[in-house]
Amino acid sequence: MLERRTPAHDDLVDHLTRTTALPRGEAARVVLDVLAYFDETAEDYVRRRHRELQSAGLRNPAIFERIQAELPYRAVAPPELSLRQLRRIVYG
């Protein structure tokens, strides 16, 4: 996760404190969380979603199909990954 802010991040924090009821510290945390979310690699996303869906009770065939369907809608979509490639990301 990102831990340092830049002046551009401070502009976002200022905007959030002006337009919401968030105090400055909470707005800074939100900005860092959002930036960390968009900094997540496709491989990290696949691993995280696999854990989340597995803990929700889904089985691997459904998990990998769902992740494959979700990836193109990420903010920066990775190249299309096959089900086999997704399994290799998770299991090596």
N, C-alpha and C. Protein backbone atom coordinates (compact mmCIF):
# COMPACT_ATOMS: atom_id res chain seq x y z
N MET A 1 0.83 -1.18 0.00
CA MET A 1 0.00 0.00 0.00
C MET A 1 0.88 1.25 0.00
N LEU A 2 0.41 2.29 -0.65
CA LEU A 2 1.15 3.55 -0.70
C LEU A 2 1.13 4.20 0.67
N GLU A 3 2.25 4.77 1.06
CA GLU A 3 2.31 5.39 2.38
C GLU A 3 2.70 6.85 2.32
N ARG A 4 3.16 7.31 1.15
CA ARG A 4 3.56 8.71 1.03
C ARG A 4 2.61 9.45 0.12
N ARG A 5 2.36 10.71 0.48
CA ARG A 5 1.52 11.55 -0.36
C ARG A 5 2.39 12.55 -1.10
N THR A 6 1.90 12.96 -2.25
CA THR A 6 2.55 14.01 -3.03
C THR A 6 1.65 15.24 -2.99
N PRO A 7 2.10 16.39 -3.51
CA PRO A 7 1.22 17.56 -3.56
C PRO A 7 -0.09 17.28 -4.31
N ALA A 8 -0.04 16.44 -5.34
CA ALA A 8 -1.28 16.10 -6.05
C ALA A 8 -2.23 15.34 -5.13
N HIS A 9 -1.67 14.49 -4.29
CA HIS A 9 -2.52 13.76 -3.33
C HIS A 9 -3.13 14.74 -2.33
N ASP A 10 -2.34 15.73 -1.91
CA ASP A 10 -2.86 16.73 -0.99
C ASP A 10 -4.03 17.50 -1.61
N ASP A 11 -3.97 17.74 -2.93
CA ASP A 11 -5.10 18.39 -3.61
C ASP A 11 -6.35 17.52 -3.50
N LEU A 12 -6.19 16.21 -3.66
CA LEU A 12 -7.34 15.31 -3.52
C LEU A 12 -7.88 15.32 -2.09
N VAL A 13 -6.98 15.33 -1.12
CA VAL A 13 -7.40 15.39 0.29
C VAL A 13 -8.16 16.68 0.54
N ASP A 14 -7.63 17.80 0.05
CA ASP A 14 -8.32 19.08 0.21
C ASP A 14 -9.72 19.03 -0.41
N HIS A 15 -9.81 18.46 -1.60
CA HIS A 15 -11.11 18.35 -2.28
C HIS A 15 -12.08 17.52 -1.44
N LEU A 16 -11.62 16.40 -0.91
CA LEU A 16 -12.51 15.55 -0.09
C LEU A 16 -12.97 16.27 1.18
N THR A 17 -12.07 17.00 1.82
CA THR A 17 -12.48 17.69 3.05
C THR A 17 -13.45 18.83 2.75
N ARG A 18 -13.34 19.44 1.56
CA ARG A 18 -14.28 20.51 1.18
C ARG A 18 -15.65 19.96 0.79
N THR A 19 -15.67 18.79 0.16
CA THR A 19 -16.92 18.30 -0.44
C THR A 19 -17.60 17.19 0.35
N THR A 20 -16.96 16.75 1.44
CA THR A 20 -17.57 15.71 2.28
C THR A 20 -17.41 16.11 3.74
N ALA A 21 -17.94 15.30 4.61
CA ALA A 21 -17.81 15.55 6.05
C ALA A 21 -16.57 14.87 6.63
N LEU A 22 -15.71 14.34 5.77
CA LEU A 22 -14.52 13.63 6.26
C LEU A 22 -13.51 14.60 6.87
N PRO A 23 -12.98 14.26 8.05
CA PRO A 23 -11.86 15.05 8.57
C PRO A 23 -10.61 14.79 7.72
N ARG A 24 -9.64 15.67 7.82
CA ARG A 24 -8.45 15.60 6.96
C ARG A 24 -7.73 14.26 7.07
N GLY A 25 -7.54 13.73 8.26
CA GLY A 25 -6.84 12.46 8.42
C GLY A 25 -7.56 11.31 7.74
N GLU A 26 -8.87 11.28 7.87
CA GLU A 26 -9.67 10.23 7.23
C GLU A 26 -9.66 10.39 5.71
N ALA A 27 -9.74 11.62 5.24
CA ALA A 27 -9.68 11.87 3.79
C ALA A 27 -8.33 11.41 3.22
N ALA A 28 -7.25 11.65 3.95
CA ALA A 28 -5.93 11.20 3.50
C ALA A 28 -5.88 9.68 3.42
N ARG A 29 -6.46 9.00 4.40
CA ARG A 29 -6.48 7.54 4.39
C ARG A 29 -7.27 7.03 3.19
N VAL A 30 -8.40 7.66 2.89
CA VAL A 30 -9.22 7.25 1.74
C VAL A 30 -8.42 7.42 0.44
N VAL A 31 -7.74 8.55 0.30
CA VAL A 31 -6.95 8.78 -0.91
C VAL A 31 -5.87 7.72 -1.06
N LEU A 32 -5.15 7.41 0.02
CA LEU A 32 -4.10 6.39 -0.05
C LEU A 32 -4.68 5.01 -0.36
N ASP A 33 -5.85 4.69 0.22
CA ASP A 33 -6.50 3.40 -0.07
C ASP A 33 -6.89 3.30 -1.55
N VAL A 34 -7.45 4.36 -2.10
CA VAL A 34 -7.86 4.35 -3.51
C VAL A 34 -6.63 4.23 -4.42
N LEU A 35 -5.59 4.97 -4.11
CA LEU A 35 -4.36 4.89 -4.92
C LEU A 35 -3.75 3.49 -4.84
N ALA A 36 -3.78 2.88 -3.67
CA ALA A 36 -3.25 1.51 -3.52
C ALA A 36 -4.09 0.54 -4.33
N TYR A 37 -5.41 0.74 -4.36
CA TYR A 37 -6.29 -0.13 -5.14
C TYR A 37 -5.90 -0.09 -6.62
N PHE A 38 -5.67 1.11 -7.15
CA PHE A 38 -5.33 1.23 -8.56
C PHE A 38 -3.88 0.85 -8.85
N ASP A 39 -3.06 0.74 -7.82
CA ASP A 39 -1.67 0.33 -7.99
C ASP A 39 -1.53 -1.19 -7.99
N GLU A 40 -2.60 -1.91 -7.67
CA GLU A 40 -2.57 -3.37 -7.58
C GLU A 40 -2.34 -3.98 -8.97
N THR A 41 -1.37 -4.88 -9.07
CA THR A 41 -1.10 -5.54 -10.35
C THR A 41 -2.20 -6.55 -10.66
N ALA A 42 -2.26 -6.98 -11.91
CA ALA A 42 -3.25 -8.00 -12.29
C ALA A 42 -3.03 -9.27 -11.49
N GLU A 43 -1.76 -9.66 -11.30
CA GLU A 43 -1.47 -10.88 -10.54
C GLU A 43 -1.94 -10.76 -9.10
N ASP A 44 -1.68 -9.61 -8.47
CA ASP A 44 -2.13 -9.40 -7.09
C ASP A 44 -3.66 -9.40 -7.02
N TYR A 45 -4.30 -8.78 -8.02
CA TYR A 45 -5.77 -8.77 -8.07
C TYR A 45 -6.31 -10.19 -8.17
N VAL A 46 -5.72 -11.01 -9.05
CA VAL A 46 -6.19 -12.39 -9.23
C VAL A 46 -6.05 -13.16 -7.92
N ARG A 47 -4.91 -13.03 -7.26
CA ARG A 47 -4.70 -13.75 -5.99
C ARG A 47 -5.68 -13.28 -4.92
N ARG A 48 -5.86 -11.95 -4.82
CA ARG A 48 -6.78 -11.42 -3.81
C ARG A 48 -8.21 -11.87 -4.06
N ARG A 49 -8.67 -11.74 -5.32
CA ARG A 49 -10.05 -12.14 -5.63
C ARG A 49 -10.26 -13.63 -5.43
N HIS A 50 -9.24 -14.44 -5.76
CA HIS A 50 -9.35 -15.89 -5.55
C HIS A 50 -9.57 -16.17 -4.07
N ARG A 51 -8.78 -15.54 -3.20
CA ARG A 51 -8.96 -15.73 -1.75
C ARG A 51 -10.35 -15.29 -1.30
N GLU A 52 -10.79 -14.12 -1.77
CA GLU A 52 -12.09 -13.59 -1.37
C GLU A 52 -13.22 -14.52 -1.80
N LEU A 53 -13.19 -14.96 -3.05
CA LEU A 53 -14.27 -15.80 -3.57
C LEU A 53 -14.23 -17.19 -2.96
N GLN A 54 -13.02 -17.69 -2.70
CA GLN A 54 -12.89 -19.00 -2.06
C GLN A 54 -13.45 -18.94 -0.64
N SER A 55 -13.18 -17.86 0.08
CA SER A 55 -13.70 -17.73 1.44
C SER A 55 -15.20 -17.50 1.44
N ALA A 56 -15.76 -17.06 0.32
CA ALA A 56 -17.21 -16.90 0.19
C ALA A 56 -17.89 -18.21 -0.18
N GLY A 57 -17.09 -19.28 -0.37
CA GLY A 57 -17.66 -20.59 -0.63
C GLY A 57 -17.70 -21.02 -2.08
N LEU A 58 -17.19 -20.20 -2.99
CA LEU A 58 -17.19 -20.60 -4.40
C LEU A 58 -16.09 -21.62 -4.65
N ARG A 59 -16.30 -22.43 -5.68
CA ARG A 59 -15.31 -23.44 -6.06
C ARG A 59 -14.48 -22.91 -7.23
N ASN A 60 -13.30 -23.49 -7.41
CA ASN A 60 -12.34 -22.97 -8.38
C ASN A 60 -12.88 -22.76 -9.79
N PRO A 61 -13.62 -23.70 -10.39
CA PRO A 61 -14.09 -23.42 -11.76
C PRO A 61 -14.91 -22.12 -11.85
N ALA A 62 -15.80 -21.91 -10.90
CA ALA A 62 -16.61 -20.69 -10.89
C ALA A 62 -15.75 -19.46 -10.57
N ILE A 63 -14.79 -19.64 -9.67
CA ILE A 63 -13.92 -18.53 -9.29
C ILE A 63 -13.13 -18.02 -10.49
N PHE A 64 -12.48 -18.94 -11.20
CA PHE A 64 -11.63 -18.51 -12.31
C PHE A 64 -12.45 -17.92 -13.45
N GLU A 65 -13.63 -18.44 -13.71
CA GLU A 65 -14.49 -17.85 -14.74
C GLU A 65 -14.91 -16.44 -14.34
N ARG A 66 -15.23 -16.27 -13.07
CA ARG A 66 -15.66 -14.96 -12.59
C ARG A 66 -14.53 -13.94 -12.67
N ILE A 67 -13.33 -14.35 -12.23
CA ILE A 67 -12.18 -13.44 -12.30
C ILE A 67 -11.88 -13.08 -13.75
N GLN A 68 -11.95 -14.06 -14.64
CA GLN A 68 -11.70 -13.81 -16.06
C GLN A 68 -12.71 -12.79 -16.59
N ALA A 69 -13.95 -12.85 -16.14
CA ALA A 69 -14.97 -11.91 -16.59
C ALA A 69 -14.77 -10.52 -15.98
N GLU A 70 -14.21 -10.45 -14.76
CA GLU A 70 -14.02 -9.16 -14.09
C GLU A 70 -12.82 -8.38 -14.62
N LEU A 71 -11.77 -9.06 -15.01
CA LEU A 71 -10.52 -8.38 -15.37
C LEU A 71 -10.66 -7.29 -16.44
N PRO A 72 -11.44 -7.49 -17.50
CA PRO A 72 -11.52 -6.42 -18.51
C PRO A 72 -12.13 -5.12 -17.99
N TYR A 73 -12.80 -5.16 -16.84
CA TYR A 73 -13.47 -3.98 -16.31
C TYR A 73 -12.65 -3.25 -15.26
N ARG A 74 -11.42 -3.71 -15.04
CA ARG A 74 -10.52 -2.99 -14.13
C ARG A 74 -10.16 -1.65 -14.75
N ALA A 75 -9.75 -0.69 -13.93
CA ALA A 75 -9.42 0.65 -14.43
C ALA A 75 -8.36 0.58 -15.53
N VAL A 76 -7.35 -0.23 -15.33
CA VAL A 76 -6.34 -0.49 -16.36
C VAL A 76 -6.38 -1.98 -16.61
N ALA A 77 -7.12 -2.36 -17.63
CA ALA A 77 -7.34 -3.79 -17.89
C ALA A 77 -6.05 -4.44 -18.36
N PRO A 78 -5.73 -5.60 -17.79
CA PRO A 78 -4.55 -6.34 -18.26
C PRO A 78 -4.86 -7.03 -19.57
N PRO A 79 -3.87 -7.62 -20.22
CA PRO A 79 -4.17 -8.41 -21.41
C PRO A 79 -5.08 -9.57 -21.02
N GLU A 80 -5.85 -10.05 -21.97
CA GLU A 80 -6.77 -11.14 -21.68
C GLU A 80 -5.99 -12.36 -21.20
N LEU A 81 -6.41 -12.92 -20.06
CA LEU A 81 -5.75 -14.09 -19.49
C LEU A 81 -6.66 -15.30 -19.60
N SER A 82 -6.10 -16.43 -20.01
CA SER A 82 -6.89 -17.67 -20.10
C SER A 82 -7.12 -18.22 -18.70
N LEU A 83 -8.05 -19.17 -18.59
CA LEU A 83 -8.29 -19.82 -17.30
C LEU A 83 -7.02 -20.49 -16.81
N ARG A 84 -6.26 -21.07 -17.72
CA ARG A 84 -5.00 -21.73 -17.34
C ARG A 84 -4.01 -20.70 -16.77
N GLN A 85 -3.91 -19.55 -17.41
CA GLN A 85 -3.00 -18.51 -16.91
C GLN A 85 -3.43 -18.04 -15.52
N LEU A 86 -4.73 -17.91 -15.31
CA LEU A 86 -5.22 -17.50 -13.99
C LEU A 86 -4.84 -18.53 -12.93
N ARG A 87 -5.01 -19.81 -13.26
CA ARG A 87 -4.65 -20.87 -12.30
C ARG A 87 -3.15 -20.82 -11.99
N ARG A 88 -2.34 -20.56 -13.01
CA ARG A 88 -0.88 -20.49 -12.80
C ARG A 88 -0.50 -19.31 -11.90
N ILE A 89 -1.23 -18.21 -12.01
CA ILE A 89 -0.97 -17.07 -11.14
C ILE A 89 -1.22 -17.45 -9.69
N VAL A 90 -2.32 -18.15 -9.46
CA VAL A 90 -2.69 -18.51 -8.09
C VAL A 90 -1.80 -19.62 -7.54
N TYR A 91 -1.57 -20.64 -8.33
CA TYR A 91 -0.88 -21.83 -7.82
C TYR A 91 0.57 -21.97 -8.26
N GLY A 92 1.03 -21.09 -9.13
CA GLY A 92 2.42 -21.14 -9.56
C GLY A 92 2.71 -22.05 -10.71
